[in-house]
Protein backbone atom coordinates (compact mmCIF):
# COMPACT_ATOMS: atom_id res chain seq x y z
CA UNK A 1 -7.05 41.24 26.06
CA UNK A 2 -7.03 43.92 28.65
CA UNK A 3 -4.56 42.85 31.21
CA UNK A 4 -6.08 45.16 33.94
CA UNK A 5 -9.62 43.47 33.43
CA UNK A 6 -7.00 40.06 32.72
CA UNK A 7 -5.77 41.10 36.41
CA UNK A 8 -9.23 41.83 38.19
CA UNK A 9 -10.50 37.99 37.04
CA UNK A 10 -7.80 36.41 38.58
CA UNK A 11 -7.61 38.49 42.04
CA UNK A 12 -11.31 37.92 42.63
CA UNK A 13 -10.54 33.48 41.89
CA UNK A 14 -7.79 34.33 43.63
CA UNK A 15 -9.92 35.12 46.27
CA UNK A 16 -12.77 32.66 45.87
CA UNK A 17 -10.12 30.51 45.61
CA UNK A 18 -9.44 30.91 49.63
CA UNK A 19 -11.78 32.38 51.71
CA UNK A 20 -9.95 31.80 55.19
CA UNK A 21 -7.38 33.64 53.78
CA UNK A 22 -8.76 36.38 51.65
CA UNK A 23 -10.28 36.56 55.86
CA UNK A 24 -7.24 36.50 57.33
CA UNK A 25 -5.37 39.37 54.80
CA UNK A 26 -8.24 41.73 55.51
CA UNK A 27 -7.76 41.59 59.24
CA UNK A 28 -4.11 42.60 58.87
CA UNK A 29 -5.38 45.84 56.54
CA UNK A 30 -3.32 44.22 53.72
CA UNK A 31 -4.02 46.36 50.24
CA UNK A 32 -5.11 44.58 47.62
CA UNK A 33 -1.89 44.53 46.06
CA UNK A 34 -0.71 43.33 48.84
CA UNK A 35 -2.84 40.97 49.19
CA UNK A 36 -2.84 39.34 46.01
CA UNK A 37 1.19 38.75 46.82
CA UNK A 38 0.00 36.91 49.77
CA UNK A 39 -2.41 34.89 48.32
CA UNK A 40 -0.40 33.91 45.44
CA UNK A 41 2.61 33.10 47.77
CA UNK A 42 1.36 30.40 49.62
CA UNK A 43 0.80 28.39 46.51
CA UNK A 44 4.09 29.38 46.15
CA UNK A 45 5.35 27.41 48.96
CA UNK A 46 3.01 24.82 48.69
CA UNK A 47 4.94 24.17 45.10
CA UNK A 48 8.53 24.59 46.89
CA UNK A 49 7.67 21.83 49.43
CA UNK A 50 6.73 19.35 46.67
CA UNK A 51 9.61 20.95 44.46
CA UNK A 52 12.72 19.74 47.88
CA UNK A 53 10.34 16.72 48.88
CA UNK A 54 10.45 15.03 45.08
CA UNK A 55 13.22 16.82 43.93
CA UNK A 56 15.87 15.27 46.62
CA UNK A 57 13.95 12.00 46.05
CA UNK A 58 14.92 12.20 42.43
CA UNK A 59 18.59 13.54 42.51
CA UNK A 60 19.86 10.06 43.52
CA UNK A 61 18.93 8.19 39.83
CA UNK A 62 21.01 9.55 36.82
CA UNK A 63 18.70 9.60 34.67
CA UNK A 64 21.28 10.87 31.89
CA UNK A 65 22.50 7.30 31.49
CA UNK A 66 18.79 6.25 32.37
CA UNK A 67 16.30 7.04 30.16
CA UNK A 68 13.47 4.26 31.81
CA UNK A 69 13.21 6.26 34.67
CA UNK A 70 13.03 9.74 33.06
CA UNK A 71 9.82 8.14 31.22
CA UNK A 72 8.20 6.74 34.51
CA UNK A 73 8.92 9.65 36.60
CA UNK A 74 7.66 11.55 33.67
CA UNK A 75 4.65 9.96 33.21
CA UNK A 76 4.24 9.06 36.88
CA UNK A 77 3.60 13.26 37.56
CA UNK A 78 1.75 13.64 34.47
CA UNK A 79 -1.14 11.20 35.55
CA UNK A 80 -0.65 12.79 38.50
CA UNK A 81 -1.21 16.82 36.69
CA UNK A 82 -3.94 15.68 34.21
CA UNK A 83 -6.01 14.15 37.33
CA UNK A 84 -5.88 16.76 39.25
CA UNK A 85 -6.22 19.96 36.30
CA UNK A 86 -9.17 17.50 35.55
CA UNK A 87 -10.76 17.93 38.74
CA UNK A 88 -10.05 21.75 39.73
CA UNK A 89 -10.91 22.46 35.83
CA UNK A 90 -14.26 21.32 36.23
CA UNK A 91 -14.65 22.85 39.25
CA UNK A 92 -13.38 26.42 38.50
CA UNK A 93 -15.61 26.29 34.94
CA UNK A 94 -18.80 24.40 34.78
CA UNK A 95 -19.56 24.75 39.19
CA UNK A 96 -18.68 27.54 40.11
CA UNK A 97 -21.48 30.33 40.83
CA UNK A 98 -19.70 33.03 40.13
CA UNK A 99 -20.60 33.29 35.92
CA UNK A 100 -23.88 34.78 36.28
CA UNK A 101 -21.73 38.14 38.02
CA UNK A 102 -19.57 38.17 34.65
CA UNK A 103 -21.98 38.08 31.90
CA UNK A 104 -23.28 42.14 32.54
CA UNK A 105 -19.48 42.95 33.15
CA UNK A 106 -17.51 44.09 29.85
CA UNK A 107 -15.14 40.94 30.28
CA UNK A 108 -14.60 38.70 26.96
CA UNK A 109 -14.15 35.49 26.97
CA UNK A 110 -10.91 35.40 26.24
CA UNK A 111 -9.91 37.14 29.48
CA UNK A 112 -12.52 35.07 31.27
CA UNK A 113 -10.91 31.71 30.63
CA UNK A 114 -7.05 32.93 30.83
CA UNK A 115 -8.01 33.75 34.30
CA UNK A 116 -9.68 30.90 35.17
CA UNK A 117 -7.20 28.93 33.51
CA UNK A 118 -4.45 31.12 35.95
CA UNK A 119 -6.24 29.90 39.07
CA UNK A 120 -5.95 26.72 37.63
CA UNK A 121 -2.92 26.11 36.74
CA UNK A 122 -1.40 27.50 41.12
CA UNK A 123 -3.68 24.83 41.65
CA UNK A 124 -2.38 22.32 39.63
CA UNK A 125 1.99 22.92 39.03
CA UNK A 126 2.24 21.59 43.09
CA UNK A 127 2.01 18.14 41.28
CA UNK A 128 3.60 19.37 37.56
CA UNK A 129 6.78 20.97 39.73
CA UNK A 130 9.14 18.23 40.79
CA UNK A 131 9.51 17.55 36.82
CA UNK A 132 11.14 20.76 36.93
CA UNK A 133 14.00 19.05 39.09
CA UNK A 134 13.90 16.57 36.60
CA UNK A 135 14.65 17.80 33.99
CA UNK A 136 16.92 20.21 34.86
CA UNK A 137 18.28 17.10 36.74
CA UNK A 138 19.09 15.15 33.40
CA UNK A 139 20.50 18.18 31.38
CA UNK A 140 23.69 19.33 34.34
CA UNK A 141 23.71 14.95 33.98
CA UNK A 142 24.28 15.34 30.91
CA UNK A 143 26.71 17.98 31.57
CA UNK A 144 25.83 20.62 29.78
CA UNK A 145 26.76 23.99 30.36
CA UNK A 146 24.77 24.67 33.28
CA UNK A 147 23.21 28.27 32.59
CA UNK A 148 21.90 26.34 29.69
CA UNK A 149 21.00 23.17 31.47
CA UNK A 150 19.15 25.45 33.77
CA UNK A 151 17.07 27.48 31.01
CA UNK A 152 16.26 23.92 29.10
CA UNK A 153 14.57 22.59 31.81
CA UNK A 154 12.57 26.15 32.71
CA UNK A 155 11.65 26.15 28.94
CA UNK A 156 10.92 22.33 29.38
CA UNK A 157 9.09 22.73 32.27
CA UNK A 158 6.62 25.61 30.82
CA UNK A 159 5.66 23.66 27.44
CA UNK A 160 5.20 20.05 29.37
CA UNK A 161 2.60 21.57 31.73
CA UNK A 162 0.64 23.77 29.48
CA UNK A 163 0.31 20.61 27.96
CA UNK A 164 -0.53 18.90 30.57
CA UNK A 165 -3.37 21.59 31.26
CA UNK A 166 -4.50 21.90 27.59
CA UNK A 167 -5.35 18.19 27.55
CA UNK A 168 -6.83 17.78 31.27
CA UNK A 169 -8.89 21.03 29.40
CA UNK A 170 -9.82 19.44 26.32
CA UNK A 171 -11.02 16.06 28.31
CA UNK A 172 -13.07 18.26 30.50
CA UNK A 173 -14.53 20.94 27.69
CA UNK A 174 -15.14 18.04 25.24
CA UNK A 175 -17.05 15.48 27.30
CA UNK A 176 -18.93 18.78 28.54
CA UNK A 177 -20.32 19.13 25.06
CA UNK A 178 -21.29 15.35 24.54
CA UNK A 179 -25.22 13.65 24.71
CA UNK A 180 -23.50 11.44 27.56
CA UNK A 181 -22.45 14.43 29.46
CA UNK A 182 -25.99 16.15 29.02
CA UNK A 183 -27.90 12.88 29.75
CA UNK A 184 -25.97 11.80 32.55
CA UNK A 185 -23.83 14.28 33.59
CA UNK A 186 -23.11 13.02 37.62
CA UNK A 187 -22.55 9.26 35.99
CA UNK A 188 -19.63 10.89 33.32
CA UNK A 189 -18.13 13.02 35.50
CA UNK A 190 -17.99 10.64 38.57
CA UNK A 191 -16.03 8.09 35.82
CA UNK A 192 -14.12 10.25 34.45
CA UNK A 193 -12.61 11.46 37.65
CA UNK A 194 -12.28 7.67 39.42
CA UNK A 195 -10.71 6.51 36.20
CA UNK A 196 -8.36 9.07 36.73
CA UNK A 197 -7.35 8.84 40.34
CA UNK A 198 -6.88 5.03 39.63
CA UNK A 199 -4.90 5.29 36.38
CA UNK A 200 -2.46 7.76 39.24
CA UNK A 201 -2.19 5.29 41.89
CA UNK A 202 -1.62 2.49 39.24
CA UNK A 203 1.29 4.59 37.84
CA UNK A 204 2.39 4.83 41.49
CA UNK A 205 2.52 1.02 42.07
CA UNK A 206 4.31 0.61 38.78
CA UNK A 207 7.40 3.01 39.18
CA UNK A 208 7.36 1.61 43.25
CA UNK A 209 7.41 -1.66 42.24
CA UNK A 210 9.92 -1.49 38.55
CA UNK A 211 12.33 0.86 40.92
CA UNK A 212 11.81 -2.02 43.48
CA UNK A 213 12.63 -4.71 41.50
CA UNK A 214 15.77 -2.56 40.38
CA UNK A 215 19.22 -3.21 40.90
CA UNK A 216 20.85 0.53 42.12
CA UNK A 217 24.31 -0.88 43.11
CA UNK A 218 24.37 -1.39 39.31
CA UNK A 219 22.06 1.10 38.37
CA UNK A 220 19.50 -1.67 35.72
CA UNK A 221 17.92 0.81 33.85
CA UNK A 222 14.14 0.09 33.24
CA UNK A 223 11.59 -0.21 30.20
CA UNK A 224 11.66 3.88 28.54
CA UNK A 225 7.90 5.17 27.74
CA UNK A 226 8.47 5.98 23.82
CA UNK A 227 5.61 8.52 24.07
CA UNK A 228 8.18 10.76 26.33
CA UNK A 229 11.43 9.97 24.85
CA UNK A 230 10.91 13.54 23.14
CA UNK A 231 11.40 15.17 25.74
CA UNK A 232 14.45 13.12 27.05
CA UNK A 233 15.60 13.76 24.03
CA UNK A 234 15.31 17.53 24.07
CA UNK A 235 16.96 17.73 27.23
CA UNK A 236 19.36 14.74 26.90
CA UNK A 237 21.49 16.62 23.71
CA UNK A 238 19.66 19.66 23.10
CA UNK A 239 22.20 20.47 20.03
CA UNK A 240 21.89 17.52 18.43
CA UNK A 241 19.48 16.22 15.25
CA UNK A 242 17.23 14.40 17.75
CA UNK A 243 17.08 16.81 20.84
CA UNK A 244 16.35 19.38 17.68
CA UNK A 245 13.01 16.91 17.03
CA UNK A 246 12.43 16.58 20.41
CA UNK A 247 12.06 20.36 20.85
CA UNK A 248 10.04 20.36 17.81
CA UNK A 249 7.96 17.97 18.84
CA UNK A 250 7.38 19.80 22.39
CA UNK A 251 6.81 23.24 20.88
CA UNK A 252 4.18 21.56 18.47
CA UNK A 253 2.19 19.44 20.90
CA UNK A 254 1.84 23.13 22.97
CA UNK A 255 1.00 25.32 19.93
CA UNK A 256 -1.10 22.65 18.42
CA UNK A 257 -3.08 22.32 21.45
CA UNK A 258 -3.70 25.81 22.07
CA UNK A 259 -4.69 26.19 18.70
CA UNK A 260 -7.79 23.86 18.99
CA UNK A 261 -8.81 24.91 22.44
CA UNK A 262 -8.39 28.35 21.17
CA UNK A 263 -10.25 28.04 17.84
CA UNK A 264 -12.85 25.06 18.58
CA UNK A 265 -13.61 25.59 21.93
CA UNK A 266 -13.34 28.93 23.00
CA UNK A 267 -15.50 30.65 20.80
CA UNK A 268 -18.20 28.53 22.30
CA UNK A 269 -16.94 28.46 25.67
CA UNK A 270 -19.45 30.97 27.06
CA UNK A 271 -22.40 29.81 25.55
CA UNK A 272 -21.19 26.15 27.36
CA UNK A 273 -20.95 27.55 30.53
CA UNK A 274 -23.73 29.56 30.95
CA UNK A 275 -26.39 26.25 29.80
CA UNK A 276 -24.39 24.37 32.13
CA UNK A 277 -24.61 26.57 35.59
CA UNK A 278 -28.48 27.07 34.19
CA UNK A 279 -28.53 23.50 33.97
CA UNK A 280 -27.27 23.37 38.34
CA UNK A 281 -29.74 25.74 39.55
CA UNK A 282 -32.81 23.84 38.25
CA UNK A 283 -33.07 20.91 41.26
CA UNK A 284 -34.36 17.75 39.76
CA UNK A 285 -34.94 15.16 41.62
CA UNK A 286 -37.93 13.18 42.77
CA UNK A 287 -39.95 12.92 46.10
CA UNK A 288 -40.44 9.77 47.12
CA UNK A 289 -43.50 9.14 49.11
CA UNK A 290 -43.90 7.77 52.85
CA UNK A 291 -40.57 9.00 53.35
CA UNK A 292 -40.46 10.71 56.93
CA UNK A 293 -38.07 14.10 57.85
CA UNK A 294 -35.22 12.11 59.07
CA UNK A 295 -35.40 10.07 55.60
CA UNK A 296 -35.50 12.82 53.56
CA UNK A 297 -32.56 14.36 54.95
CA UNK A 298 -30.38 11.54 54.87
CA UNK A 299 -30.81 10.70 51.75
CA UNK A 300 -29.94 14.52 51.26
CA UNK A 301 -27.14 13.86 52.39
CA UNK A 302 -26.28 11.33 50.86
CA UNK A 303 -27.29 13.46 47.40
CA UNK A 304 -24.36 16.35 48.56
CA UNK A 305 -21.80 13.34 48.36
CA UNK A 306 -22.42 12.30 45.47
CA UNK A 307 -21.08 15.88 42.99
CA UNK A 308 -18.37 14.52 40.71
CA UNK A 309 -16.05 17.29 41.51
CA UNK A 310 -15.83 16.93 45.35
CA UNK A 311 -15.23 12.89 45.18
CA UNK A 312 -12.09 13.82 42.36
CA UNK A 313 -11.05 16.47 44.93
CA UNK A 314 -11.52 14.22 48.21
CA UNK A 315 -9.42 11.25 46.44
CA UNK A 316 -6.82 13.16 45.67
CA UNK A 317 -6.50 15.20 48.43
CA UNK A 318 -7.61 12.82 51.42
CA UNK A 319 -6.30 9.26 49.55
CA UNK A 320 -4.22 9.31 46.40
CA UNK A 321 -1.39 11.75 48.03
CA UNK A 322 -1.32 9.40 51.39
CA UNK A 323 -1.89 6.86 49.25
CA UNK A 324 1.42 7.42 47.21
CA UNK A 325 3.88 8.11 50.07
CA UNK A 326 2.61 5.14 52.08
CA UNK A 327 3.59 3.38 48.70
CA UNK A 328 6.72 5.06 48.55
CA UNK A 329 7.89 4.01 52.27
CA UNK A 330 6.46 0.34 51.66
CA UNK A 331 7.95 -1.17 49.31
CA UNK A 332 11.12 -0.32 50.52
CA UNK A 333 10.30 -1.45 54.44
CA UNK A 334 9.06 -4.77 52.37
CA UNK A 335 11.44 -7.12 52.98
CA UNK A 336 12.49 -6.04 56.13
CA UNK A 337 9.03 -6.27 57.87
CA UNK A 338 7.91 -9.82 56.54
CA UNK A 339 9.34 -11.33 59.78
CA UNK A 340 7.36 -9.21 62.40
CA UNK A 341 5.48 -11.37 65.03
CA UNK A 342 2.72 -10.90 67.50
CA UNK A 343 4.71 -9.14 70.35
CA UNK A 344 4.22 -5.99 67.61
CA UNK A 345 0.09 -5.61 67.71
CA UNK A 346 0.95 -2.25 69.39
CA UNK A 347 2.82 -0.89 66.61
CA UNK A 348 0.55 -2.35 64.03
CA UNK A 349 -2.42 -0.77 66.95
CA UNK A 350 -0.34 3.04 66.28
CA UNK A 351 -0.38 2.63 62.74
CA UNK A 352 -3.32 1.85 62.54
CA UNK A 353 -3.53 5.32 64.18
CA UNK A 354 -1.11 6.99 62.09
CA UNK A 355 -3.24 5.55 58.64
CA UNK A 356 -6.34 7.85 60.03
CA UNK A 357 -4.29 10.42 60.58
CA UNK A 358 -3.19 10.78 57.16
CA UNK A 359 -6.61 9.94 56.01
CA UNK A 360 -8.67 11.86 57.80
CA UNK A 361 -7.47 15.86 57.00
CA UNK A 362 -9.38 19.60 55.66
CA UNK A 363 -10.30 17.83 52.32
CA UNK A 364 -12.33 14.22 53.88
CA UNK A 365 -15.55 14.36 53.39
CA UNK A 366 -16.11 14.49 57.09
CA UNK A 367 -14.35 17.51 57.29
CA UNK A 368 -17.05 19.24 54.86
CA UNK A 369 -20.04 18.34 55.49
CA UNK A 370 -21.42 20.82 56.88
CA UNK A 371 -20.87 23.70 54.47
CA UNK A 372 -21.63 21.22 51.18
CA UNK A 373 -25.03 22.40 52.90
CA UNK A 374 -24.86 25.82 51.66
CA UNK A 375 -27.84 28.40 51.74
CA UNK A 376 -29.31 25.39 52.48
CA UNK A 377 -27.81 24.76 56.24
CA UNK A 378 -30.40 28.31 57.62
CA UNK A 379 -33.38 26.45 56.19
CA UNK A 380 -32.54 23.00 56.98
CA UNK A 381 -31.97 24.63 60.98
CA UNK A 382 -34.57 26.28 60.72
CA UNK A 383 -37.09 23.12 60.02
CA UNK A 384 -38.70 21.40 63.50
CA UNK A 385 -35.81 19.22 63.74
CA UNK A 386 -33.38 19.01 66.59
CA UNK A 387 -30.09 20.50 65.28
CA UNK A 388 -27.61 18.59 67.25
CA UNK A 389 -29.87 15.47 65.81
CA UNK A 390 -29.38 16.91 62.36
CA UNK A 391 -25.87 17.41 63.10
CA UNK A 392 -25.24 13.78 64.88
CA UNK A 393 -26.71 12.24 61.71
CA UNK A 394 -24.15 14.20 59.55
CA UNK A 395 -21.69 13.06 61.51
CA UNK A 396 -22.16 9.62 61.85
CA UNK A 397 -21.96 9.34 57.88
CA UNK A 398 -18.84 11.35 58.15
CA UNK A 399 -17.61 9.17 59.95
CA UNK A 400 -18.73 5.81 58.38
CA UNK A 401 -17.51 7.11 55.32
CA UNK A 402 -14.38 7.71 57.02
CA UNK A 403 -14.15 4.44 58.47
CA UNK A 404 -14.11 2.69 55.69
CA UNK A 405 -11.88 4.31 54.00
CA UNK A 406 -8.99 4.29 56.76
CA UNK A 407 -10.17 0.00 57.44
CA UNK A 408 -9.83 -0.20 53.19
CA UNK A 409 -5.99 1.54 53.49
CA UNK A 410 -5.34 -0.80 57.03
CA UNK A 411 -5.65 -3.52 54.98
CA UNK A 412 -4.31 -3.01 51.61
CA UNK A 413 -0.75 -1.96 53.52
CA UNK A 414 -1.50 -5.06 55.74
CA UNK A 415 -1.42 -7.40 52.98
CA UNK A 416 1.19 -5.62 50.87
CA UNK A 417 3.85 -5.09 54.06
CA UNK A 418 3.26 -7.21 56.68
CA UNK A 419 0.50 -10.03 56.12
CA UNK A 420 -0.09 -11.25 59.79
CA UNK A 421 -3.58 -11.15 60.50
CA UNK A 422 -3.46 -10.22 63.97
CA UNK A 423 -1.21 -7.11 63.42
CA UNK A 424 -3.84 -6.15 60.23
CA UNK A 425 -6.72 -6.45 63.03
CA UNK A 426 -4.38 -4.40 65.87
CA UNK A 427 -4.41 -2.05 62.88
CA UNK A 428 -8.04 -1.83 61.91
CA UNK A 429 -8.75 -1.18 65.84
CA UNK A 430 -6.29 2.08 65.83
CA UNK A 431 -6.96 2.85 62.95
CA UNK A 432 -11.15 2.69 63.39
CA UNK A 433 -10.52 4.83 67.06
CA UNK A 434 -8.43 7.47 65.19
CA UNK A 435 -10.44 8.16 62.54
CA UNK A 436 -13.09 8.65 64.95
CA UNK A 437 -11.06 11.32 66.82
CA UNK A 438 -10.09 12.96 63.49
CA UNK A 439 -13.26 13.02 61.84
CA UNK A 440 -14.03 14.84 65.66
CA UNK A 441 -12.26 17.66 65.30
CA UNK A 442 -12.36 18.07 61.70
CA UNK A 443 -16.12 18.05 61.85
CA UNK A 444 -16.72 19.89 64.60
CA UNK A 445 -13.74 22.58 62.51
CA UNK A 446 -16.22 23.20 59.83
CA UNK A 447 -19.05 23.32 62.31
CA UNK A 448 -16.60 26.86 63.73
CA UNK A 449 -15.46 27.46 60.21
CA UNK A 450 -18.33 27.51 58.98
CA UNK A 451 -18.86 28.76 54.70
CA UNK A 452 -21.86 28.89 53.24
CA UNK A 453 -21.68 31.01 50.25
CA UNK A 454 -19.23 29.29 48.54
CA UNK A 455 -19.44 29.35 45.21
CA UNK A 456 -16.61 26.26 44.50
CA UNK A 457 -16.34 23.17 46.53
CA UNK A 458 -12.57 24.07 46.43
CA UNK A 459 -13.05 27.48 48.65
CA UNK A 460 -14.00 24.66 51.47
CA UNK A 461 -10.92 23.08 51.28
CA UNK A 462 -8.84 26.52 51.46
CA UNK A 463 -10.41 27.47 55.36
CA UNK A 464 -8.56 27.75 58.47
CA UNK A 465 -4.63 27.89 57.38
CA UNK A 466 -4.95 26.30 53.54
CA UNK A 467 -3.22 24.30 51.39
CA UNK A 468 0.34 25.35 52.99
CA UNK A 469 -0.80 24.65 56.48
CA UNK A 470 -2.21 21.14 54.88
CA UNK A 471 0.87 20.07 53.25
CA UNK A 472 2.63 20.86 56.85
CA UNK A 473 0.44 18.80 58.28
CA UNK A 474 0.74 16.14 56.24
CA UNK A 475 4.66 15.51 55.00
CA UNK A 476 5.31 16.41 59.29
CA UNK A 477 2.77 14.14 59.92
CA UNK A 478 4.70 11.57 57.95
CA UNK A 479 8.07 12.62 59.15
CA UNK A 480 7.26 12.95 62.75
CA UNK A 481 4.85 9.83 62.88
CA UNK A 482 7.86 7.61 60.78
CA UNK A 483 10.35 8.77 63.48
CA UNK A 484 7.55 7.73 66.90
CA UNK A 485 6.59 4.68 65.56
CA UNK A 486 10.57 3.30 64.91
CA UNK A 487 12.03 4.34 67.74
CA UNK A 488 8.37 2.55 69.66
CA UNK A 489 9.23 -0.66 66.99
CA UNK A 490 12.99 -0.36 68.23
CA UNK A 491 11.74 -0.32 71.99
CA UNK A 492 9.46 -3.47 71.57
CA UNK A 493 12.38 -5.46 70.32
CA UNK A 494 14.96 -5.09 72.43
CA UNK A 495 12.16 -6.83 75.17
CA UNK A 496 11.18 -10.50 75.01
CA UNK A 497 7.38 -9.62 76.32
CA UNK A 498 6.89 -6.32 75.19
CA UNK A 499 6.33 -4.34 78.02
CA UNK A 500 5.19 -1.50 75.95
CA UNK A 501 2.72 -2.45 74.49
CA UNK A 502 -0.12 -2.47 77.13
CA UNK A 503 1.22 0.88 78.62
CA UNK A 504 0.99 2.44 75.02
CA UNK A 505 -2.06 0.72 73.53
CA UNK A 506 -3.28 2.06 77.11
CA UNK A 507 -2.41 5.20 76.95
CA UNK A 508 -3.35 5.48 73.34
CA UNK A 509 -7.12 4.97 74.36
CA UNK A 510 -6.71 7.05 77.80
CA UNK A 511 -6.08 10.29 75.57
CA UNK A 512 -8.24 9.18 72.90
CA UNK A 513 -11.06 8.55 75.34
CA UNK A 514 -10.32 11.76 76.95
CA UNK A 515 -10.67 13.80 73.60
CA UNK A 516 -14.04 11.85 73.00
CA UNK A 517 -14.86 13.75 75.84
CA UNK A 518 -14.10 16.87 75.76
CA UNK A 519 -16.06 17.47 71.89
CA UNK A 520 -18.88 15.92 74.19
CA UNK A 521 -18.85 18.78 76.76
CA UNK A 522 -17.65 21.83 74.30
CA UNK A 523 -19.20 21.06 71.12
CA UNK A 524 -21.94 18.73 71.05
CA UNK A 525 -23.50 20.09 74.49
CA UNK A 526 -22.95 23.60 73.38
CA UNK A 527 -24.03 24.09 69.66
CA UNK A 528 -26.30 26.30 70.50
CA UNK A 529 -24.30 28.72 72.59
CA UNK A 530 -21.67 27.74 69.50
CA UNK A 531 -24.13 28.75 66.99
CA UNK A 532 -24.58 31.87 69.18
CA UNK A 533 -21.32 33.27 69.36
CA UNK A 534 -20.94 32.17 65.04
CA UNK A 535 -24.49 34.23 64.56
CA UNK A 536 -22.57 37.08 66.71
CA UNK A 537 -19.40 36.67 64.82
CA UNK A 538 -21.03 37.29 61.40
CA UNK A 539 -23.26 40.39 62.46
CA UNK A 540 -19.53 41.95 63.68
CA UNK A 541 -18.24 40.89 60.23
CA UNK A 542 -21.43 42.00 58.12
CA UNK A 543 -21.02 45.73 59.87
CA UNK A 544 -17.37 45.89 58.69
CA UNK A 545 -17.74 44.70 55.36
């Protein structure tokens, strides 16, 4: 395998994965090497953030004495990694439009496969990196010589991460070869990704429920998951017979999966990708008669949302991650919030807005609806329909979907933590109001950062500040929001008649209304001007290129 060619392919995939970050690096005059380091650094920073966050949470548990907790944490992050891996692998391998460009070039199948899997690793590693903390902590807590504990922990992390990636690859590569997939592509992929996401959420619920039932003062262990015990043996007692067996199992599974992919799938990967890429370019929609232009466009926008890879990305980034964080907080405070009365209605309203903030982000449907048109955007906007009408139709669809997701989240959180109808109702109103505001922002952002020449949908999610900004916005919002809500709740509790409620609710409604009016005047009423400016900017960019 030619390392130079491999690195060239990786460099191209990195630029496709983060087009906006690539554009920023070009404007700064970065060389090719510096740009590659810059793009990789963005992924690594996100990974470090995950490591610090979850590593700090796991540092409170002595895993050397509790194999049950070890295997549950390992199972949780394994499910998360596989779920994310399935999405990213399918996206990069089968929904990418770059394969035809590689066909006339002197690249081998192995080089193309390896370059793509390396980019997949950059997207999946953040979900796996907490395992590194888990493995190292287990070794150190077992009183193993600390340099050896670090080395063994890192080695186990590499083997297990590779194994999880290969499991996801086998699932995707195997499924795409079946007749069921060929005949019912969208149904099969949607079902697979939905099951993986539900499995991830179920894993979080089981883990948090188990930890909630645990008396940490006595450190009672939970039931072990036998499938992950070899990994525990390898780290707990690496120099014993069980430890050796554990390492042999880890290495054996990794080698076996490598051979299966190398010999069973890689030789026919090129043909498989070519066939699916060609099939993706064929339109098989049946035209329905007696439909006007508005109805056809509405149906077209709904079709955009049915792409399985898009659904998975939205579920994992815009739904799954907030669910994990909320469940982690909710179970911890559930016992202390059961006695809340109606005077906390303002707090519930703010919590609803807070939930809408967590779930409405750059990875949401509404934040990518315009760019999802791709090359069709210029054609559609040239039709005899006012652009504002078409975009409002898109926005309404995106906001309705976002409002439903937020409402379901508010109801679920309310029923689990504070089952008070008045408070749940206030949370719903706050969630709907907040989803409208944040949907307006991200819809306008999508228009400002409009990208129609994407090769896979992951490029849309990396616009603007990219994954790093998304991670900081998510975790920073969690931190700041938790502080503000706590202070507000304490303030309400300090007053018998809760005079803060009308002030806070009125202030939030006033500010929110101002934001809505701002987007009405500065976005909706200036679409023609914005489009003109965007075209000039694109023209200048083309001249530079």
